[in-house]
Amino acid sequence: MNLPYYISKRLKANGNSFSAIVHTIAVTSISVGLAVMLISVMILGGFTSTIENKIFSFSGHLQVVKFTLNNALEESPFSSESSLLVSSDSLEGIRHIQEYSHKATLLRSEQEVQGVLLKGVGPSFDTLNFGQNLVEGDFISFPDSTYSREVLLSKKMGRLMRVGVGDAVILNFMDFSTKTPSLRTRRLNVKGIYETGLEDFDDHIIIGDIGLIRRLNNWGDSLVGGFEVFVTDVKKIPQVERMLYDKLDYDLYPQKVSDKYIQFFDWMRLISKNEVIFLVIITFVACFNMASVLLIMIMERTQMIGLLKAMGGSNKLVRRIFVYRGMILMAKGMILGNLLGIGLAALQDKFKLIPLDPQNYYMEYVPIMWDWPMVILLNLLTFLIIGLILFLPTRIITGISPIQSIRFD
């Protein structure tokens, strides 16, 4: 029989005693602290994952463009028959490659005018991945000949231009191919409405057929402005980037989308640092509460400690009694904390109880990401850190004299 554990299970505080209140506070602080840590990790993970998915679904994980000293919004064209596209099926770590190009234009409706950037895409565009951003209508269709006369607008842009699905818009392009610049006009129909919540996309970009840009720029059918590369695992982005450097033609280079939109990723890294500080503070408070509880237990059980020592009990045995008791309280708190944290996260994930302002948070509700390895890691760290802290207050037991403690009142 494990004598210290047997005794520790019977060190229950009376319901009306001060120690009973302290025990309740200790269990509550651990449960609430762990629940808050779990929820914060799930929310931050969901928040980061949602933002990244919106960016990657719109621009890919990597973009391949041509070297140029030009700072214009429009890319320098190159052939889609490059070695990258030809060997894309055999490249490790790459899931999909699609061509694209940009061209500045003036968007007009019957009521409003706005300068935008037309993003031209082709039949290879991953519509399934982009579907999470489509809120109304359908994606543009690509005819076998000529180019599609359909376009996608953002929800914010459609509200500003006062147009919706099925309405017609006018695109005005400047033609600088001749000595005298001229205006070229195209009438397109709004096929769908997308929304990412990210101002860099929703405020400026409309999506159309790359064939239209080729026609306007007098490009051949094989020319593109760049490639968007999707990887199988976001953790392999640096590895795929290095591989592309070796395989691309000399005048092409890959660029990580996380570098292109670095403001979003720096912001998310800053939030992650704040979360670490937050978790450390919560863990410190829980450790302090447990240490205080053990000190109060030792003070209340001073006579029992003296009696055990007088009967031959060693300091190690007595210390183990209180460590076991602290672990029992910690286990109760952790069980309640997991039930509370996972339960609240499940309710939010299922019913979307807490809404958000998309203009400030880029999403309509608080997201939840079920990162079970992180949940297990938080539980293990909480158990180990608080478990180690439990040994500190029990050191005072070695200084308790059996004769004086038996007389202690």
Foldseek 3Di string as FASTA:
>chain_A
DQVLLVVLVVLDDDPPDPLNVLLVVLLQLLLQLLLVLLQVVFLLVFLVVLLVLLLCLVFNQKKKAFDDPDPDPWFDKDFLPFPCNVCVVVDAFFDAKWFKTKAWWWKADPPDIDTAIEIATAPRRPCVSQVVFFDWFGDWDADPDQGTQEKEAEPVVCVVNVHAAFDKMKIWHWQPPDVDIDIDIGIGGYRTYGAQLDCVDRVHYMYTHVSVVCVRVVHDPRMGRIMHTHGPDSVCSVVVQVVCVVRGDPRMHMDGSCVVPVVVVVVSVVVVVVSVVVSVVSLVVSLVSLLVSLLVSCVVCLLVLLVCVVVPHDLVSNLSSSLSSSLVSSVSSNVSSCCSNVVVLVCCQVPQPAFDDSNVSSGGGRGGDCPPVVSVVSSVVSSVVSSVSSSVSSVCSVVRHSVVSNVRD
